[in-house]
Structure formats: structure tokens, C-alpha cells
Amino acid sequence: MFKSLKFGIIIILIILVTLIGGCSAPASSTPPPATEEPQEQTPVTLKLAHGLSPVDIHGKAYQFYADKVAELSDGSIQIEVFPGASLAANPQMFKAVQTGVADIGIFPSSFVAPQMKEVTIFEIPGMFDPTKIPQIQEEITPIMEKIHAKYGMKYLWATAEGELVLGVSKKIGAPVKNIDEIEGLKIRDYGQWIGRTLGAWGAVQTTIPPADLNAALDRGTVEGSLASWSFSYGFKVHEQAPYFTMFGTNNMWHWATISEASWAKLSSEQQQVLVDAGKLAMEYNIQLEAEDKELFKQAVNDVGGAIYELTPEERAQFVDKAAPLIEDVRAISGPEGNELIDILESIK
């Protein structure tokens, strides 16, 4: 009995030692996961250059973009806007972005196409509906990014340019309503391919700097101007050429591009800010375009002019005459340019 009692006491002591040892065992050496502190963004200042007025529908949109980028990035990205060709003019914009003179440049397709042939198709009237800019932007962004990567650039976002219009002089006396009426007229163009379009329509194309256009119209050097209504309104073409034909089709494509070197300086969060702000700026630009289009129409009316909107059948006369140029563009555009053409043709 004594032995049994002694054995029981030993068992109890072993259990107590085990329990006490377990309670005093050191805590696990694995530290709790550290709480990750948010990384402070490195402040960046970018230069944005464009060749347009700071107060037209484009210039206002570019300043809006700069302001939105600063807001969405909590001030970590500041964009300094250089309007009116004060940093780089349209003909030099491509090179300015490539060489770092500007971080972001606004590219009008007519000025960029000679260096970036893949985007030449934007110059052919009838290639896209100018009222569908957000849809077109979404559809073409992947191929535009691919094209821009070849040149060390990143495609960002686009602005609405407004539809193509033809303003003719007081001497003509009325808007052009069909393709026969444009034959032989001396019309100011804005680039190689719109010049070739005018030739296909039977007009005599003439290249004149925008600043000299109204004087040329007044002297009779040219009898009309083919451009967007926003260009016509901004340069007051209606004062010398008050009779307008509205084609209901595209003029050119305007977009913002950043150099790959400048893009790479940004964190992924900052890069997303540039994309998100671009979407907001596009919406703002489209709103401005709708408002200013009514102001343009009123300005034409105020000078005793007239506006004629082509019917679908009348528009088709012009578009069909220019259509053979698409094959010429395909021949110089390369695989990526042809993919862009296919996309635009699929969403006409």
C-alpha cells in the first residue's frame, strides 16, 4: 500500500512539473506580421506642351487634366502646361516628347503622321464618327499603346476635335451641298492626306498657316477652309467664310502622349492617376465641345452666314470619293497601322 501511495505521489509531481513547464515556456519566436506603412509618393513635375489656345475646348481640357492629376495624386504629380506652342509647336511636338523637351505632348494626327505612319488613317474623312470618341478611345487604346511603344512613348487619352466642316467665302455666297459644287474651288488644307482628299473631291488644295488664313480668304487667295468647326470658330474663319457645310464625319485625332522615360519615373499608383484623370478630362472636353458648338452656330448666324448639314446620301458622295485613299494609307501603315484601320472600320 505504501508503495502504491508513493507511486501515486510521483505521478502527481510529474504532472505538476509538466504543467508548470508548459506555462513558463517561452512564447513563439515567430513575430507577428508587420503592419505595412503606406509608401509616400515621390513628388514629380511633368511638362505638358500643346499648340492650341489655352481657352478653347482643348486648352481648357488640358488644364483641367493637370488640375485633376494634382488632385488625384494628392499633389505628388504636378503638371505644368505650356499652351500655344510656347514650349513646342505642333510640327515639332513628336520630337519634343522623344527628346524630353516635353514629358507629355498633345499630338494632332496631321502633324504626327509623317513620323508615326501607323496613325495616318485618322486623316481620311469618313473613318470614324466624331460623336463616339469615348467608344473609339476604348477600342483603339491597346493598338495605340503598341504603336507608341515602338517610338518610346505611352498613349494616354484623346480629346474631341469636332466634326469636319467646309467654310466658303462670301463670294461663293452659300454652303456647298454636294460634291459637284466643290470642284475647282481653292480650299485651304491642313496636311498631306487632307490635301489628297480635296484633290479626290475635285478641289484645288492650298496649304496656308492658320494665322494667315483670314487674310488669304479676304484677298481671294483661297475660297474656303476645310477643318473642324472648333478650328473654324477659334480662328474666326466665319468672319471671312460665313457659309458652312457640316460633314458629320471626322476631322483628325488629337491625343496626349507621355515619353516612356517620364512614364517610368512614376509609381504604378501615379501612372494610374494619369489614366484616370485622362478619362475625366475627356468627359469635360466633350461637355465643352457640345457647348461651344452652339456658340459656333450662333457666331455664324450673327455675321449673316448659313450652315448646311449634309444628309447621309450627300455625305456618302464625299466619303466614297475619298475611300480609295484608304488602300494607299494601308500600304504605308505597317501591321499595327492596318490593325488600327481594321478597328476603326469595325466601329464606323
Protein backbone atom coordinates (compact mmCIF):
# COMPACT_ATOMS: atom_id res chain seq x y z
CA MET A 1 0.00 0.00 0.00
CA PHE A 2 2.84 2.36 0.86
CA LYS A 3 4.46 1.60 -2.47
CA SER A 4 1.19 2.40 -4.29
CA LEU A 5 0.86 5.70 -2.41
CA LYS A 6 4.48 6.58 -3.18
CA PHE A 7 3.97 5.76 -6.87
CA GLY A 8 0.83 7.94 -6.99
CA ILE A 9 2.67 10.88 -5.44
CA ILE A 10 5.45 10.57 -8.03
CA ILE A 11 2.91 10.60 -10.88
CA ILE A 12 1.24 13.72 -9.45
CA LEU A 13 4.62 15.50 -9.17
CA ILE A 14 5.47 14.64 -12.79
CA ILE A 15 2.14 16.09 -13.97
CA LEU A 16 2.65 19.27 -11.92
CA VAL A 17 6.19 19.79 -13.29
CA THR A 18 4.88 19.32 -16.83
CA LEU A 19 2.10 21.85 -16.30
CA ILE A 20 4.42 24.41 -14.70
CA GLY A 21 6.96 23.97 -17.50
CA GLY A 22 4.27 24.48 -20.13
CA CYS A 23 3.08 27.69 -18.52
CA SER A 24 6.58 29.11 -18.36
CA ALA A 25 7.61 28.06 -21.88
CA PRO A 26 8.86 30.94 -23.98
CA ALA A 27 6.43 32.46 -26.49
CA SER A 28 6.70 31.54 -30.13
CA SER A 29 9.72 33.13 -31.74
CA THR A 30 7.71 33.93 -34.91
CA PRO A 31 7.00 37.69 -34.79
CA PRO A 32 3.52 38.96 -35.69
CA PRO A 33 3.19 40.22 -39.26
CA ALA A 34 4.34 43.81 -39.51
CA THR A 35 1.79 46.42 -40.45
CA GLU A 36 2.87 47.86 -43.80
CA GLU A 37 3.16 51.61 -43.73
CA PRO A 38 1.83 53.41 -46.84
CA GLN A 39 4.69 54.50 -49.06
CA GLU A 40 4.97 58.24 -49.58
CA GLN A 41 4.96 59.10 -53.29
CA THR A 42 8.00 60.86 -54.68
CA PRO A 43 6.86 64.29 -55.99
CA VAL A 44 7.16 64.63 -59.78
CA THR A 45 6.72 67.64 -62.05
CA LEU A 46 5.83 66.99 -65.69
CA LYS A 47 5.77 69.42 -68.61
CA LEU A 48 2.76 69.22 -70.94
CA ALA A 49 3.06 71.01 -74.29
CA HIS A 50 0.36 71.78 -76.84
CA GLY A 51 -0.06 74.11 -79.78
CA LEU A 52 -3.57 75.35 -79.09
CA SER A 53 -5.13 78.29 -77.29
CA PRO A 54 -5.44 77.89 -73.52
CA VAL A 55 -9.09 79.00 -73.73
CA ASP A 56 -10.51 76.76 -76.49
CA ILE A 57 -12.17 73.40 -75.84
CA HIS A 58 -8.81 71.64 -76.00
CA GLY A 59 -6.73 74.08 -73.98
CA LYS A 60 -9.30 74.13 -71.18
CA ALA A 61 -9.33 70.32 -71.13
CA TYR A 62 -5.54 70.11 -70.84
CA GLN A 63 -5.50 72.49 -67.87
CA PHE A 64 -8.39 70.54 -66.33
CA TYR A 65 -6.28 67.39 -66.75
CA ALA A 66 -3.32 68.97 -64.99
CA ASP A 67 -5.53 70.08 -62.10
CA LYS A 68 -7.16 66.64 -61.80
CA VAL A 69 -3.79 64.88 -61.79
CA ALA A 70 -2.64 67.07 -58.91
CA GLU A 71 -5.88 66.41 -57.04
CA LEU A 72 -5.98 62.63 -57.55
CA SER A 73 -2.31 62.21 -56.72
CA ASP A 74 -2.58 64.28 -53.52
CA GLY A 75 -0.09 66.70 -55.01
CA SER A 76 2.57 64.09 -55.78
CA ILE A 77 2.30 64.88 -59.52
CA GLN A 78 2.32 68.43 -60.76
CA ILE A 79 1.78 69.13 -64.48
CA GLU A 80 2.98 72.43 -65.86
CA VAL A 81 1.01 73.27 -69.01
CA PHE A 82 2.69 75.12 -71.89
CA PRO A 83 -0.07 76.22 -74.32
CA GLY A 84 0.04 77.94 -77.69
CA ALA A 85 3.32 76.36 -78.86
CA SER A 86 5.19 78.13 -76.05
CA LEU A 87 7.32 75.01 -75.44
CA ALA A 88 6.87 73.11 -78.71
CA ALA A 89 4.81 73.79 -81.85
CA ASN A 90 2.71 71.08 -83.47
CA PRO A 91 5.26 70.21 -86.19
CA GLN A 92 7.95 69.68 -83.51
CA MET A 93 5.74 68.01 -80.86
CA PHE A 94 6.71 64.43 -81.74
CA LYS A 95 10.42 65.21 -81.46
CA ALA A 96 9.87 67.26 -78.29
CA VAL A 97 8.42 64.24 -76.48
CA GLN A 98 11.04 61.86 -77.87
CA THR A 99 13.92 64.07 -76.72
CA GLY A 100 12.50 65.06 -73.33
CA VAL A 101 11.81 68.72 -74.12
CA ALA A 102 8.24 67.90 -73.08
CA ASP A 103 7.17 64.99 -70.88
CA ILE A 104 3.65 64.99 -72.30
CA GLY A 105 2.77 66.25 -75.76
CA ILE A 106 -0.57 66.74 -77.49
CA PHE A 107 -0.41 65.07 -80.88
CA PRO A 108 -2.68 66.18 -83.76
CA SER A 109 -2.66 63.31 -86.25
CA SER A 110 -1.97 65.56 -89.26
CA PHE A 111 1.34 66.70 -87.73
CA VAL A 112 2.38 63.34 -86.26
CA ALA A 113 1.57 61.08 -89.21
CA PRO A 114 4.79 61.90 -91.12
CA GLN A 115 6.84 60.46 -88.20
CA MET A 116 4.31 57.87 -87.00
CA LYS A 117 2.83 56.50 -90.21
CA GLU A 118 0.68 53.98 -88.34
CA VAL A 119 -1.77 56.77 -87.39
CA THR A 120 -2.18 58.24 -90.90
CA ILE A 121 -5.66 56.74 -91.23
CA PHE A 122 -7.09 59.36 -88.85
CA GLU A 123 -6.64 61.87 -91.69
CA ILE A 124 -9.14 60.27 -94.06
CA PRO A 125 -12.70 61.68 -93.71
CA GLY A 126 -15.31 59.03 -93.00
CA MET A 127 -13.07 56.82 -90.86
CA PHE A 128 -14.84 57.44 -87.57
CA ASP A 129 -17.89 59.08 -86.05
CA PRO A 130 -16.78 62.19 -84.09
CA THR A 131 -19.69 61.73 -81.67
CA LYS A 132 -18.30 58.38 -80.45
CA ILE A 133 -14.96 59.50 -79.02
CA PRO A 134 -15.20 57.53 -75.71
CA GLN A 135 -16.07 54.29 -77.52
CA ILE A 136 -13.31 54.80 -80.09
CA GLN A 137 -10.81 55.61 -77.33
CA GLU A 138 -11.64 52.36 -75.54
CA GLU A 139 -11.43 50.26 -78.71
CA ILE A 140 -8.16 51.67 -80.06
CA THR A 141 -6.17 52.11 -76.83
CA PRO A 142 -4.48 48.65 -76.94
CA ILE A 143 -3.21 49.08 -80.52
CA MET A 144 -2.29 52.73 -79.93
CA GLU A 145 -0.20 51.65 -76.92
CA LYS A 146 1.50 49.07 -79.10
CA ILE A 147 2.24 51.65 -81.80
CA HIS A 148 3.57 54.20 -79.32
CA ALA A 149 5.83 51.67 -77.63
CA LYS A 150 7.77 51.41 -80.91
CA TYR A 151 8.70 55.08 -80.52
CA GLY A 152 9.48 55.07 -76.81
CA MET A 153 6.16 56.61 -75.83
CA LYS A 154 2.97 55.79 -73.93
CA TYR A 155 -0.51 56.61 -75.31
CA LEU A 156 -2.77 58.30 -72.75
CA TRP A 157 -6.11 59.84 -73.78
CA ALA A 158 -7.83 61.79 -76.56
CA THR A 159 -9.92 64.92 -76.97
CA ALA A 160 -12.95 65.52 -79.19
CA GLU A 161 -11.93 67.67 -82.15
CA GLY A 162 -15.40 68.25 -83.54
CA GLU A 163 -16.73 67.24 -86.92
CA LEU A 164 -15.30 68.26 -90.27
CA VAL A 165 -16.69 71.46 -91.82
CA LEU A 166 -16.08 73.40 -95.01
CA GLY A 167 -16.40 77.16 -94.73
CA VAL A 168 -16.56 79.08 -98.03
CA SER A 169 -16.16 82.77 -98.70
CA LYS A 170 -18.75 85.50 -99.15
CA LYS A 171 -18.03 85.40 -102.89
CA ILE A 172 -19.33 81.82 -103.08
CA GLY A 173 -22.49 83.00 -101.33
CA ALA A 174 -23.91 79.72 -99.99
CA PRO A 175 -22.79 76.47 -98.33
CA VAL A 176 -21.61 73.61 -100.53
CA LYS A 177 -24.34 70.96 -100.65
CA ASN A 178 -22.96 68.34 -103.00
CA ILE A 179 -19.61 67.22 -104.33
CA ASP A 180 -20.07 68.89 -107.72
CA GLU A 181 -20.14 72.32 -106.06
CA ILE A 182 -16.65 71.95 -104.58
CA GLU A 183 -14.98 71.21 -107.90
CA GLY A 184 -12.36 73.81 -108.80
CA LEU A 185 -12.63 75.73 -105.52
CA LYS A 186 -9.34 76.75 -103.88
CA ILE A 187 -9.55 75.25 -100.40
CA ARG A 188 -7.09 75.54 -97.53
CA ASP A 189 -5.99 72.13 -96.26
CA TYR A 190 -4.08 71.16 -93.09
CA GLY A 191 -1.90 68.26 -94.18
CA GLN A 192 -0.83 65.89 -96.93
CA TRP A 193 -3.72 63.46 -96.73
CA ILE A 194 -6.50 66.01 -96.35
CA GLY A 195 -4.91 67.72 -99.36
CA ARG A 196 -5.16 64.46 -101.30
CA THR A 197 -8.77 64.16 -100.13
CA LEU A 198 -9.55 67.59 -101.54
CA GLY A 199 -7.92 66.54 -104.79
CA ALA A 200 -10.14 63.45 -104.91
CA TRP A 201 -13.13 65.74 -104.47
CA GLY A 202 -12.02 67.92 -107.39
CA ALA A 203 -10.96 70.95 -105.34
CA VAL A 204 -7.64 72.79 -105.57
CA GLN A 205 -5.80 72.25 -102.27
CA THR A 206 -3.68 75.05 -100.76
CA THR A 207 -1.63 74.94 -97.58
CA ILE A 208 -1.76 78.16 -95.55
CA PRO A 209 -0.74 78.72 -91.89
CA PRO A 210 -3.76 79.30 -89.63
CA ALA A 211 -2.60 82.84 -88.75
CA ASP A 212 -2.71 83.83 -92.43
CA LEU A 213 -6.00 82.15 -93.31
CA ASN A 214 -8.43 85.04 -92.84
CA ALA A 215 -6.23 87.40 -94.85
CA ALA A 216 -6.00 84.80 -97.61
CA LEU A 217 -9.78 84.42 -97.63
CA ASP A 218 -10.19 88.20 -97.77
CA ARG A 219 -7.78 88.52 -100.71
CA GLY A 220 -9.28 85.56 -102.55
CA THR A 221 -6.07 83.52 -102.41
CA VAL A 222 -8.34 80.73 -101.17
CA GLU A 223 -12.10 80.44 -101.34
CA GLY A 224 -12.65 78.14 -98.43
CA SER A 225 -11.22 76.28 -95.44
CA LEU A 226 -11.63 72.61 -94.60
CA ALA A 227 -11.13 71.91 -90.88
CA SER A 228 -13.08 71.17 -87.73
CA TRP A 229 -15.77 73.56 -86.61
CA SER A 230 -13.74 74.13 -83.42
CA PHE A 231 -10.77 75.32 -85.50
CA SER A 232 -13.08 77.49 -87.62
CA TYR A 233 -14.64 79.05 -84.54
CA GLY A 234 -11.34 79.52 -82.71
CA PHE A 235 -9.71 81.28 -85.68
CA LYS A 236 -12.88 83.24 -86.55
CA VAL A 237 -12.99 81.80 -90.06
CA HIS A 238 -16.70 82.61 -90.14
CA GLU A 239 -15.91 86.31 -90.42
CA GLN A 240 -14.47 85.82 -93.93
CA ALA A 241 -16.03 82.48 -94.87
CA PRO A 242 -19.52 82.51 -93.33
CA TYR A 243 -21.10 79.66 -95.32
CA PHE A 244 -20.51 76.27 -93.73
CA THR A 245 -21.10 72.68 -94.71
CA MET A 246 -21.12 70.23 -91.81
CA PHE A 247 -19.99 66.79 -92.95
CA GLY A 248 -20.96 64.76 -89.88
CA THR A 249 -17.67 62.89 -90.01
CA ASN A 250 -14.18 63.02 -88.54
CA ASN A 251 -11.61 65.74 -88.92
CA MET A 252 -8.49 64.42 -87.17
CA TRP A 253 -7.48 62.72 -83.90
CA HIS A 254 -5.94 64.69 -81.00
CA TRP A 255 -4.34 62.79 -78.14
CA ALA A 256 -1.98 63.06 -75.18
CA THR A 257 1.26 61.07 -75.18
CA ILE A 258 3.94 60.73 -72.50
CA SER A 259 7.51 59.58 -73.09
CA GLU A 260 8.41 56.14 -71.74
CA ALA A 261 11.24 57.74 -69.77
CA SER A 262 8.83 60.06 -67.96
CA TRP A 263 6.27 57.27 -67.50
CA ALA A 264 8.91 55.04 -65.90
CA LYS A 265 9.67 57.67 -63.24
CA LEU A 266 6.16 57.26 -61.84
CA SER A 267 4.97 54.65 -59.37
CA SER A 268 2.18 52.33 -60.51
CA GLU A 269 -0.26 54.39 -58.43
CA GLN A 270 0.89 57.61 -60.09
CA GLN A 271 0.63 56.03 -63.53
CA GLN A 272 -2.97 55.06 -62.79
CA VAL A 273 -3.70 58.66 -61.79
CA LEU A 274 -2.64 59.84 -65.25
CA VAL A 275 -5.02 57.33 -66.83
CA ASP A 276 -7.95 58.11 -64.52
CA ALA A 277 -7.52 61.87 -64.89
CA GLY A 278 -7.48 61.42 -68.67
CA LYS A 279 -10.93 59.82 -68.61
CA LEU A 280 -12.28 62.73 -66.58
CA ALA A 281 -10.63 65.28 -68.86
CA MET A 282 -12.15 63.59 -71.92
CA GLU A 283 -15.62 63.83 -70.39
CA TYR A 284 -15.03 67.51 -69.61
CA ASN A 285 -13.78 68.17 -73.15
CA ILE A 286 -16.86 66.53 -74.69
CA GLN A 287 -19.07 68.70 -72.50
CA LEU A 288 -17.21 71.82 -73.65
CA GLU A 289 -17.48 70.70 -77.27
CA ALA A 290 -21.28 70.47 -77.07
CA GLU A 291 -21.49 73.94 -75.52
CA ASP A 292 -19.08 75.59 -77.96
CA LYS A 293 -20.73 74.02 -81.00
CA GLU A 294 -23.85 76.03 -80.22
CA LEU A 295 -21.73 79.17 -79.81
CA PHE A 296 -20.16 78.49 -83.22
CA LYS A 297 -23.58 78.21 -84.85
CA GLN A 298 -24.66 81.45 -83.21
CA ALA A 299 -21.49 83.23 -84.38
CA VAL A 300 -22.17 82.16 -87.97
CA ASN A 301 -25.74 83.40 -87.70
CA ASP A 302 -24.58 86.72 -86.22
CA VAL A 303 -22.45 87.52 -89.30
CA GLY A 304 -25.28 86.65 -91.69
CA GLY A 305 -23.85 83.28 -92.65
CA ALA A 306 -25.52 79.91 -93.04
CA ILE A 307 -24.89 76.31 -92.01
CA TYR A 308 -25.91 73.27 -94.02
CA GLU A 309 -25.75 69.74 -92.61
CA LEU A 310 -25.23 67.06 -95.24
CA THR A 311 -27.76 64.28 -95.49
CA PRO A 312 -26.39 60.72 -95.23
CA GLU A 313 -26.69 60.40 -99.00
CA GLU A 314 -24.82 63.67 -99.62
CA ARG A 315 -22.14 62.71 -97.09
CA ALA A 316 -21.66 59.39 -98.86
CA GLN A 317 -20.67 61.25 -102.06
CA PHE A 318 -17.67 62.77 -100.29
CA VAL A 319 -16.75 59.70 -98.23
CA ASP A 320 -16.91 57.38 -101.24
CA LYS A 321 -14.65 59.66 -103.30
CA ALA A 322 -12.04 59.61 -100.52
CA ALA A 323 -12.34 55.85 -99.88
CA PRO A 324 -9.65 54.77 -102.40
CA LEU A 325 -7.12 56.65 -100.29
CA ILE A 326 -7.59 54.07 -97.54
CA GLU A 327 -5.71 51.49 -99.60
CA ASP A 328 -2.90 53.99 -100.13
CA VAL A 329 -2.74 54.51 -96.37
CA ARG A 330 -2.72 50.76 -95.73
CA ALA A 331 0.32 50.45 -97.98
CA ILE A 332 2.43 52.71 -95.73
CA SER A 333 0.96 51.91 -92.31
CA GLY A 334 2.58 48.58 -91.47
CA PRO A 335 0.92 45.75 -89.47
CA GLU A 336 -0.02 47.90 -86.47
CA GLY A 337 -1.42 50.68 -88.67
CA ASN A 338 -3.51 48.18 -90.59
CA GLU A 339 -4.82 46.76 -87.32
CA LEU A 340 -5.87 50.30 -86.34
CA ILE A 341 -7.65 50.69 -89.69
CA ASP A 342 -9.50 47.41 -89.15
CA ILE A 343 -10.67 48.52 -85.71
CA LEU A 344 -11.92 51.88 -86.98
CA GLU A 345 -13.75 50.24 -89.88
CA SER A 346 -15.43 47.81 -87.48
CA ILE A 347 -16.99 50.61 -85.41
CA LYS A 348 -17.98 53.12 -88.11
